[in-house]
C-alpha atoms as a PDB file:
ATOM      1  CA  MET A   1      80.635 -61.490  -9.972  1.00  0.00           C
ATOM      2  CA  SER A   2      82.695 -61.866 -13.176  1.00  0.00           C
ATOM      3  CA  ASP A   3      86.353 -61.572 -12.798  1.00  0.00           C
ATOM      4  CA  ALA A   4      87.633 -58.942 -15.258  1.00  0.00           C
ATOM      5  CA  ARG A   5      91.110 -60.426 -15.490  1.00  0.00           C
ATOM      6  CA  LEU A   6      89.387 -63.707 -16.582  1.00  0.00           C
ATOM      7  CA  ILE A   7      87.415 -62.062 -19.042  1.00  0.00           C
ATOM      8  CA  ALA A   8      90.307 -60.195 -20.663  1.00  0.00           C
ATOM      9  CA  PHE A   9      92.470 -63.175 -20.745  1.00  0.00           C
ATOM     10  CA  GLU A  10      89.788 -65.102 -22.415  1.00  0.00           C
ATOM     11  CA  ARG A  11      89.291 -62.342 -24.880  1.00  0.00           C
ATOM     12  CA  LEU A  12      93.187 -62.560 -25.909  1.00  0.00           C
ATOM     13  CA  LEU A  13      93.098 -66.115 -26.116  1.00  0.00           C
ATOM     14  CA  ASN A  14      90.114 -65.968 -28.641  1.00  0.00           C
ATOM     15  CA  ILE A  15      91.749 -63.232 -30.476  1.00  0.00           C
ATOM     16  CA  MET A  16      95.011 -65.344 -30.804  1.00  0.00           C
ATOM     17  CA  ASP A  17      93.167 -68.192 -32.011  1.00  0.00           C
ATOM     18  CA  GLU A  18      91.368 -65.932 -34.852  1.00  0.00           C
ATOM     19  CA  LEU A  19      94.772 -64.359 -35.715  1.00  0.00           C
ATOM     20  CA  ARG A  20      96.395 -67.927 -36.182  1.00  0.00           C
ATOM     21  CA  GLU A  21      93.703 -69.174 -38.267  1.00  0.00           C
ATOM     22  CA  GLN A  22      92.857 -66.184 -40.313  1.00  0.00           C
ATOM     23  CA  CYS A  23      96.002 -63.820 -40.670  1.00  0.00           C
ATOM     24  CA  PRO A  24      98.454 -64.813 -43.243  1.00  0.00           C
ATOM     25  CA  TRP A  25     101.543 -63.707 -41.256  1.00  0.00           C
ATOM     26  CA  ASP A  26     100.320 -65.194 -37.901  1.00  0.00           C
ATOM     27  CA  LYS A  27      99.577 -68.506 -39.645  1.00  0.00           C
ATOM     28  CA  LYS A  28     103.302 -68.474 -41.211  1.00  0.00           C
ATOM     29  CA  GLN A  29     105.085 -68.074 -37.725  1.00  0.00           C
ATOM     30  CA  THR A  30     106.825 -70.660 -35.946  1.00  0.00           C
ATOM     31  CA  MET A  31     108.474 -70.769 -32.497  1.00  0.00           C
ATOM     32  CA  GLU A  32     112.026 -70.046 -34.153  1.00  0.00           C
ATOM     33  CA  SER A  33     110.693 -67.161 -36.240  1.00  0.00           C
ATOM     34  CA  LEU A  34     109.212 -65.463 -33.264  1.00  0.00           C
ATOM     35  CA  ARG A  35     112.303 -66.181 -30.876  1.00  0.00           C
ATOM     36  CA  HIS A  36     114.375 -63.032 -31.907  1.00  0.00           C
ATOM     37  CA  LEU A  37     111.175 -60.890 -31.814  1.00  0.00           C
ATOM     38  CA  SER A  38     110.713 -62.103 -28.361  1.00  0.00           C
ATOM     39  CA  ILE A  39     114.260 -61.088 -27.225  1.00  0.00           C
ATOM     40  CA  GLU A  40     113.508 -57.760 -28.687  1.00  0.00           C
ATOM     41  CA  GLU A  41     110.347 -57.321 -26.826  1.00  0.00           C
ATOM     42  CA  VAL A  42     111.933 -58.081 -23.506  1.00  0.00           C
ATOM     43  CA  TYR A  43     114.631 -55.497 -24.278  1.00  0.00           C
ATOM     44  CA  GLU A  44     111.886 -52.887 -24.924  1.00  0.00           C
ATOM     45  CA  LEU A  45     110.299 -53.785 -21.750  1.00  0.00           C
ATOM     46  CA  SER A  46     113.560 -53.383 -20.048  1.00  0.00           C
ATOM     47  CA  GLU A  47     114.209 -50.030 -21.438  1.00  0.00           C
ATOM     48  CA  ALA A  48     110.832 -48.761 -20.520  1.00  0.00           C
ATOM     49  CA  ILE A  49     111.257 -49.803 -16.987  1.00  0.00           C
ATOM     50  CA  LEU A  50     114.510 -47.973 -16.626  1.00  0.00           C
ATOM     51  CA  GLN A  51     112.740 -44.838 -17.950  1.00  0.00           C
ATOM     52  CA  ASN A  52     110.082 -45.427 -15.463  1.00  0.00           C
ATOM     53  CA  ASP A  53     107.496 -44.896 -18.463  1.00  0.00           C
ATOM     54  CA  LYS A  54     104.500 -46.494 -16.720  1.00  0.00           C
ATOM     55  CA  GLN A  55     102.464 -46.369 -20.095  1.00  0.00           C
ATOM     56  CA  GLU A  56     105.237 -47.806 -21.907  1.00  0.00           C
ATOM     57  CA  ILE A  57     105.820 -50.463 -19.515  1.00  0.00           C
ATOM     58  CA  LYS A  58     101.986 -51.494 -19.865  1.00  0.00           C
ATOM     59  CA  LYS A  59     102.311 -51.557 -23.756  1.00  0.00           C
ATOM     60  CA  GLU A  60     105.526 -53.738 -23.637  1.00  0.00           C
ATOM     61  CA  LEU A  61     104.098 -55.994 -20.944  1.00  0.00           C
ATOM     62  CA  GLY A  62     101.237 -56.696 -23.433  1.00  0.00           C
ATOM     63  CA  ASP A  63     103.726 -57.460 -26.239  1.00  0.00           C
ATOM     64  CA  VAL A  64     105.589 -60.076 -24.007  1.00  0.00           C
ATOM     65  CA  LEU A  65     102.222 -61.561 -23.083  1.00  0.00           C
ATOM     66  CA  LEU A  66     101.278 -61.760 -26.786  1.00  0.00           C
ATOM     67  CA  HIS A  67     104.411 -63.765 -27.571  1.00  0.00           C
ATOM     68  CA  ILE A  68     103.871 -66.123 -24.415  1.00  0.00           C
ATOM     69  CA  VAL A  69     100.107 -66.936 -25.734  1.00  0.00           C
ATOM     70  CA  PHE A  70     101.407 -67.262 -29.069  1.00  0.00           C
ATOM     71  CA  TYR A  71     103.966 -69.782 -28.473  1.00  0.00           C
ATOM     72  CA  ALA A  72     101.379 -71.861 -26.427  1.00  0.00           C
ATOM     73  CA  ARG A  73      98.972 -71.824 -29.417  1.00  0.00           C
ATOM     74  CA  ILE A  74     101.543 -72.988 -31.707  1.00  0.00           C
ATOM     75  CA  ALA A  75     102.593 -75.753 -29.179  1.00  0.00           C
ATOM     76  CA  SER A  76      98.790 -76.789 -29.148  1.00  0.00           C
ATOM     77  CA  GLU A  77      98.479 -77.338 -32.548  1.00  0.00           C
ATOM     78  CA  THR A  78     100.992 -80.275 -32.334  1.00  0.00           C
ATOM     79  CA  ASN A  79      99.829 -81.469 -29.011  1.00  0.00           C
ATOM     80  CA  ASP A  80     102.853 -80.588 -27.238  1.00  0.00           C
ATOM     81  CA  PHE A  81     101.410 -78.378 -24.656  1.00  0.00           C
ATOM     82  CA  THR A  82      98.491 -75.726 -24.067  1.00  0.00           C
ATOM     83  CA  ILE A  83      98.472 -72.391 -22.379  1.00  0.00           C
ATOM     84  CA  THR A  84      96.547 -74.306 -19.483  1.00  0.00           C
ATOM     85  CA  ASP A  85      99.554 -76.483 -19.180  1.00  0.00           C
ATOM     86  CA  VAL A  86     101.908 -73.501 -19.115  1.00  0.00           C
ATOM     87  CA  ILE A  87      99.801 -71.749 -16.495  1.00  0.00           C
ATOM     88  CA  ASN A  88      99.225 -75.064 -14.396  1.00  0.00           C
ATOM     89  CA  SER A  89     102.821 -75.938 -14.475  1.00  0.00           C
ATOM     90  CA  LEU A  90     103.914 -72.676 -13.306  1.00  0.00           C
ATOM     91  CA  CYS A  91     101.245 -72.509 -10.405  1.00  0.00           C
ATOM     92  CA  GLU A  92     102.678 -75.805  -9.277  1.00  0.00           C
ATOM     93  CA  LYS A  93     106.396 -74.637  -9.292  1.00  0.00           C
ATOM     94  CA  LEU A  94     105.480 -71.605  -7.379  1.00  0.00           C
ATOM     95  CA  ILE A  95     103.738 -73.542  -4.730  1.00  0.00           C
ATOM     96  CA  VAL A  96     106.481 -76.017  -4.359  1.00  0.00           C
ATOM     97  CA  ARG A  97     109.129 -73.157  -4.283  1.00  0.00           C
ATOM     98  CA  HIS A  98     107.414 -71.386  -1.704  1.00  0.00           C
ATOM     99  CA  PRO A  99     107.045 -73.804   1.179  1.00  0.00           C
ATOM    100  CA  HIS A 100     106.960 -70.746   3.818  1.00  0.00           C
ATOM    101  CA  ILE A 101     103.766 -69.725   2.038  1.00  0.00           C
ATOM    102  CA  TYR A 102     102.374 -73.134   1.163  1.00  0.00           C
ATOM    103  CA  GLY A 103     104.080 -75.298   3.789  1.00  0.00           C
ATOM    104  CA  ASP A 104     105.322 -75.368   7.120  1.00  0.00           C
ATOM    105  CA  VAL A 105     109.079 -73.928   6.433  1.00  0.00           C
ATOM    106  CA  LYS A 106     109.839 -70.764   8.336  1.00  0.00           C
ATOM    107  CA  VAL A 107     112.005 -68.081   7.088  1.00  0.00           C
ATOM    108  CA  LYS A 108     113.626 -64.905   8.547  1.00  0.00           C
ATOM    109  CA  ASP A 109     114.190 -62.914   5.553  1.00  0.00           C
ATOM    110  CA  GLU A 110     114.261 -62.706   1.772  1.00  0.00           C
ATOM    111  CA  GLU A 111     117.988 -64.410   1.616  1.00  0.00           C
ATOM    112  CA  GLU A 112     116.805 -67.454   3.165  1.00  0.00           C
ATOM    113  CA  VAL A 113     113.710 -67.543   0.550  1.00  0.00           C
ATOM    114  CA  LYS A 114     116.496 -67.327  -2.179  1.00  0.00           C
ATOM    115  CA  GLN A 115     118.588 -69.989  -0.617  1.00  0.00           C
ATOM    116  CA  ASN A 116     115.518 -72.169  -0.416  1.00  0.00           C
ATOM    117  CA  TRP A 117     114.525 -71.538  -3.853  1.00  0.00           C
ATOM    118  CA  GLU A 118     117.787 -72.712  -5.182  1.00  0.00           C
ATOM    119  CA  GLN A 119     118.002 -75.739  -3.168  1.00  0.00           C
ATOM    120  CA  ILE A 120     114.505 -76.737  -4.152  1.00  0.00           C
ATOM    121  CA  LYS A 121     115.623 -76.252  -7.856  1.00  0.00           C
ATOM    122  CA  LEU A 122     118.455 -78.655  -7.340  1.00  0.00           C
ATOM    123  CA  LYS A 123     116.341 -81.112  -5.886  1.00  0.00           C
ATOM    124  CA  GLU A 124     113.800 -80.969  -8.752  1.00  0.00           C
ATOM    125  CA  ALA A 125     116.542 -81.849 -11.053  1.00  0.00           C
ATOM    126  CA  GLY A 126     117.369 -85.064  -8.873  1.00  0.00           C
ATOM    127  CA  GLY A 127     120.495 -83.712  -7.632  1.00  0.00           C
ATOM    128  CA  ASN A 128     121.871 -83.916 -10.861  1.00  0.00           C
ATOM    129  CA  LYS A 129     121.915 -80.448 -12.037  1.00  0.00           C
ATOM    130  CA  ARG A 130     124.798 -78.193 -11.310  1.00  0.00           C
ATOM    131  CA  LEU A 131     123.931 -75.092  -9.527  1.00  0.00           C
ATOM    132  CA  LEU A 132     125.164 -72.709 -12.402  1.00  0.00           C
ATOM    133  CA  ALA A 133     123.463 -74.774 -15.231  1.00  0.00           C
ATOM    134  CA  GLY A 134     120.380 -72.626 -14.741  1.00  0.00           C
ATOM    135  CA  VAL A 135     122.353 -69.463 -15.920  1.00  0.00           C
ATOM    136  CA  PRO A 136     121.694 -69.521 -19.800  1.00  0.00           C
ATOM    137  CA  ALA A 137     124.961 -69.325 -21.763  1.00  0.00           C
ATOM    138  CA  SER A 138     123.321 -66.872 -24.134  1.00  0.00           C
ATOM    139  CA  LEU A 139     122.877 -64.234 -21.460  1.00  0.00           C
ATOM    140  CA  ALA A 140     124.973 -61.207 -21.836  1.00  0.00           C
ATOM    141  CA  SER A 141     128.274 -61.307 -20.092  1.00  0.00           C
ATOM    142  CA  LEU A 142     127.537 -58.708 -17.448  1.00  0.00           C
ATOM    143  CA  VAL A 143     124.173 -60.340 -16.545  1.00  0.00           C
ATOM    144  CA  LYS A 144     125.597 -63.873 -16.565  1.00  0.00           C
ATOM    145  CA  ALA A 145     128.468 -62.737 -14.095  1.00  0.00           C
ATOM    146  CA  TYR A 146     125.787 -61.170 -11.852  1.00  0.00           C
ATOM    147  CA  ARG A 147     123.455 -64.270 -11.704  1.00  0.00           C
ATOM    148  CA  MET A 148     126.582 -66.747 -11.545  1.00  0.00           C
ATOM    149  CA  GLN A 149     127.543 -64.660  -8.313  1.00  0.00           C
ATOM    150  CA  GLU A 150     124.021 -64.596  -6.869  1.00  0.00           C
ATOM    151  CA  LYS A 151     123.580 -68.483  -7.269  1.00  0.00           C
ATOM    152  CA  ALA A 152     126.989 -69.342  -5.905  1.00  0.00           C
ATOM    153  CA  ALA A 153     126.246 -67.173  -2.933  1.00  0.00           C
ATOM    154  CA  GLN A 154     123.111 -69.103  -1.842  1.00  0.00           C
ATOM    155  CA  VAL A 155     125.266 -72.100  -1.084  1.00  0.00           C
ATOM    156  CA  GLY A 156     127.724 -70.145   0.825  1.00  0.00           C
ATOM    157  CA  PHE A 157     130.373 -69.207  -1.613  1.00  0.00           C
ATOM    158  CA  ASP A 158     130.665 -65.553  -1.043  1.00  0.00           C
ATOM    159  CA  TRP A 159     132.704 -62.897   0.638  1.00  0.00           C
ATOM    160  CA  PRO A 160     131.532 -62.300   4.446  1.00  0.00           C
ATOM    161  CA  ASN A 161     131.364 -58.651   4.089  1.00  0.00           C
ATOM    162  CA  LYS A 162     131.582 -55.675   1.558  1.00  0.00           C
ATOM    163  CA  ASP A 163     135.067 -54.520   2.561  1.00  0.00           C
ATOM    164  CA  GLN A 164     136.579 -57.723   1.274  1.00  0.00           C
ATOM    165  CA  VAL A 165     134.868 -57.514  -2.098  1.00  0.00           C
ATOM    166  CA  TRP A 166     136.353 -53.930  -2.529  1.00  0.00           C
ATOM    167  CA  ASP A 167     139.686 -55.154  -1.680  1.00  0.00           C
ATOM    168  CA  LYS A 168     139.332 -57.675  -4.419  1.00  0.00           C
ATOM    169  CA  VAL A 169     138.578 -55.020  -6.766  1.00  0.00           C
ATOM    170  CA  GLU A 170     141.588 -53.189  -5.954  1.00  0.00           C
ATOM    171  CA  GLU A 171     143.803 -56.234  -6.209  1.00  0.00           C
ATOM    172  CA  GLU A 172     142.257 -56.968  -9.583  1.00  0.00           C
ATOM    173  CA  LEU A 173     142.941 -53.289 -10.596  1.00  0.00           C
ATOM    174  CA  ALA A 174     146.554 -53.698  -9.719  1.00  0.00           C
ATOM    175  CA  GLU A 175     147.061 -56.955 -11.532  1.00  0.00           C
ATOM    176  CA  PHE A 176     145.525 -55.300 -14.638  1.00  0.00           C
ATOM    177  CA  SER A 177     148.014 -52.311 -14.224  1.00  0.00           C
ATOM    178  CA  GLU A 178     150.953 -54.685 -14.091  1.00  0.00           C
ATOM    179  CA  ALA A 179     149.929 -56.926 -16.904  1.00  0.00           C
ATOM    180  CA  LYS A 180     152.273 -56.574 -19.813  1.00  0.00           C
ATOM    181  CA  THR A 181     151.000 -58.713 -22.861  1.00  0.00           C
ATOM    182  CA  ALA A 182     147.616 -58.015 -24.826  1.00  0.00           C
ATOM    183  CA  LYS A 183     146.351 -61.343 -23.481  1.00  0.00           C
ATOM    184  CA  ASP A 184     147.167 -60.822 -20.050  1.00  0.00           C
ATOM    185  CA  ARG A 185     145.772 -57.371 -19.802  1.00  0.00           C
ATOM    186  CA  GLU A 186     142.283 -58.661 -21.486  1.00  0.00           C
ATOM    187  CA  GLU A 187     142.172 -61.565 -18.987  1.00  0.00           C
ATOM    188  CA  GLU A 188     142.858 -59.286 -15.982  1.00  0.00           C
ATOM    189  CA  PHE A 189     140.416 -56.605 -17.283  1.00  0.00           C
ATOM    190  CA  GLY A 190     137.902 -59.454 -17.252  1.00  0.00           C
ATOM    191  CA  ASP A 191     138.773 -60.431 -13.611  1.00  0.00           C
ATOM    192  CA  LEU A 192     138.268 -56.752 -12.736  1.00  0.00           C
ATOM    193  CA  LEU A 193     134.846 -56.383 -14.396  1.00  0.00           C
ATOM    194  CA  PHE A 194     133.947 -59.779 -12.637  1.00  0.00           C
ATOM    195  CA  ALA A 195     135.028 -58.148  -9.346  1.00  0.00           C
ATOM    196  CA  LEU A 196     133.162 -55.001  -9.996  1.00  0.00           C
ATOM    197  CA  VAL A 197     129.964 -56.928 -10.693  1.00  0.00           C
ATOM    198  CA  ASN A 198     130.363 -58.707  -7.495  1.00  0.00           C
ATOM    199  CA  TYR A 199     130.658 -55.266  -5.469  1.00  0.00           C
ATOM    200  CA  ALA A 200     127.558 -54.016  -7.081  1.00  0.00           C
ATOM    201  CA  ARG A 201     125.818 -56.996  -5.622  1.00  0.00           C
ATOM    202  CA  PHE A 202     127.026 -56.455  -2.311  1.00  0.00           C
ATOM    203  CA  GLU A 203     125.964 -52.570  -2.702  1.00  0.00           C
ATOM    204  CA  GLY A 204     122.454 -53.989  -3.509  1.00  0.00           C
ATOM    205  CA  PHE A 205     121.987 -52.829  -7.174  1.00  0.00           C
ATOM    206  CA  ASN A 206     122.236 -54.564 -10.485  1.00  0.00           C
ATOM    207  CA  PRO A 207     125.350 -53.637 -12.595  1.00  0.00           C
ATOM    208  CA  ASP A 208     123.702 -54.125 -15.734  1.00  0.00           C
ATOM    209  CA  ASP A 209     120.829 -51.560 -14.804  1.00  0.00           C
ATOM    210  CA  ALA A 210     123.816 -49.188 -13.561  1.00  0.00           C
ATOM    211  CA  LEU A 211     125.474 -49.417 -16.846  1.00  0.00           C
ATOM    212  CA  GLU A 212     122.331 -49.073 -19.053  1.00  0.00           C
ATOM    213  CA  LYS A 213     121.422 -45.807 -17.067  1.00  0.00           C
ATOM    214  CA  THR A 214     124.990 -44.490 -17.887  1.00  0.00           C
ATOM    215  CA  ASN A 215     124.490 -45.508 -21.558  1.00  0.00           C
ATOM    216  CA  ILE A 216     121.286 -43.356 -21.659  1.00  0.00           C
ATOM    217  CA  LYS A 217     122.779 -40.616 -19.572  1.00  0.00           C
ATOM    218  CA  PHE A 218     125.870 -40.588 -22.152  1.00  0.00           C
ATOM    219  CA  LYS A 219     123.533 -40.687 -25.236  1.00  0.00           C
ATOM    220  CA  ARG A 220     121.533 -37.960 -23.886  1.00  0.00           C
ATOM    221  CA  ARG A 221     124.555 -35.581 -23.393  1.00  0.00           C
ATOM    222  CA  PHE A 222     126.389 -36.427 -26.421  1.00  0.00           C
ATOM    223  CA  GLU A 223     122.920 -35.665 -28.604  1.00  0.00           C
ATOM    224  CA  PHE A 224     122.965 -32.428 -26.649  1.00  0.00           C
ATOM    225  CA  ILE A 225     126.550 -31.656 -28.072  1.00  0.00           C
ATOM    226  CA  GLU A 226     125.423 -32.709 -31.526  1.00  0.00           C
ATOM    227  CA  SER A 227     122.567 -30.400 -31.233  1.00  0.00           C
ATOM    228  CA  GLU A 228     124.387 -27.404 -30.149  1.00  0.00           C
ATOM    229  CA  ALA A 229     127.076 -27.917 -32.811  1.00  0.00           C
ATOM    230  CA  GLN A 230     124.512 -27.985 -35.385  1.00  0.00           C
ATOM    231  CA  ARG A 231     122.785 -24.931 -34.098  1.00  0.00           C
ATOM    232  CA  ALA A 232     126.011 -22.987 -34.322  1.00  0.00           C
ATOM    233  CA  GLY A 233     126.629 -24.340 -37.867  1.00  0.00           C
ATOM    234  CA  ARG A 234     129.672 -26.422 -36.359  1.00  0.00           C
ATOM    235  CA  ASN A 235     130.946 -29.834 -37.771  1.00  0.00           C
ATOM    236  CA  MET A 236     131.885 -31.859 -34.555  1.00  0.00           C
ATOM    237  CA  LYS A 237     134.923 -33.155 -36.475  1.00  0.00           C
ATOM    238  CA  ASP A 238     136.319 -29.471 -36.389  1.00  0.00           C
ATOM    239  CA  MET A 239     135.546 -28.930 -32.705  1.00  0.00           C
ATOM    240  CA  THR A 240     138.304 -29.455 -30.091  1.00  0.00           C
ATOM    241  CA  LEU A 241     137.771 -31.741 -27.228  1.00  0.00           C
ATOM    242  CA  GLU A 242     137.989 -28.557 -24.957  1.00  0.00           C
ATOM    243  CA  GLU A 243     134.990 -27.122 -26.872  1.00  0.00           C
ATOM    244  CA  MET A 244     132.831 -30.319 -26.565  1.00  0.00           C
ATOM    245  CA  GLU A 245     133.576 -30.612 -23.054  1.00  0.00           C
ATOM    246  CA  VAL A 246     132.193 -27.280 -22.229  1.00  0.00           C
ATOM    247  CA  LEU A 247     129.066 -28.425 -23.924  1.00  0.00           C
ATOM    248  CA  TRP A 248     129.151 -31.676 -22.077  1.00  0.00           C
ATOM    249  CA  VAL A 249     129.366 -29.645 -18.660  1.00  0.00           C
ATOM    250  CA  GLU A 250     126.449 -27.567 -19.942  1.00  0.00           C
ATOM    251  CA  ALA A 251     124.249 -30.643 -20.458  1.00  0.00           C
ATOM    252  CA  LYS A 252     125.154 -32.065 -17.147  1.00  0.00           C
ATOM    253  CA  GLN A 253     124.020 -28.570 -15.635  1.00  0.00           C
ATOM    254  CA  LEU A 254     120.856 -28.632 -17.376  1.00  0.00           C
ATOM    255  CA  GLU A 255     119.963 -32.090 -16.164  1.00  0.00           C
ATOM    256  CA  ASN A 256     120.631 -30.954 -12.650  1.00  0.00           C
ATOM    257  CA  LYS A 257     118.240 -28.057 -13.117  1.00  0.00           C
ATOM    258  CA  GLN A 258     115.631 -30.477 -14.432  1.00  0.00           C
ATOM    259  CA  GLY A 259     116.135 -32.668 -11.476  1.00  0.00           C
END
């Protein structure tokens, strides 16, 4: 019986070959020219996931997959690697890094799986790679802090319990409050954010997701204020903070009613 997944993937590869050979835009692209577009596609996928829009997630996954196939096609033209090399390399990595599935290693929970993963990565680098070197320097600062804390925790550099982490948050808040110069306040604010990111990790959620959901919520409520002001023929610049706060509360109430 034919596997629909393999048929669909072969169809994509064939289309990619045709586009690369026949389309003026696709023929012109390089890895460098695609790079910023790939970043944009991943952000669009992230937004769809946060909005829990399944159809949009499907669409954005397709766009990300297109970029993966595109990069591999470009690399094949210079004999650097092919999509087959990409897939086989990934398969080998997954097998090596899951010894509890493909070997005789025993694990009791997901934390041990993560610890083994990091240790295997270090061994693959011949013991010369620093643990935090796997965190890209170009990552957004909030995400970077979270990933560094996660990796450090895998080798035991972590607080024993959540209460101690919250104590650290309060300590950093106090230090920020007491800082006098602009330079010191900036530094202490960074420390406070880092501690809050760590606390989010102990609570079991990603702080970047939490902040982005708040961004979306703020945008939705602010746009409600704008719409109501326009409907009333008002200019927001002429409204008082108290008037805008009334509309903000109304927006919250409408959200609560809508579930």
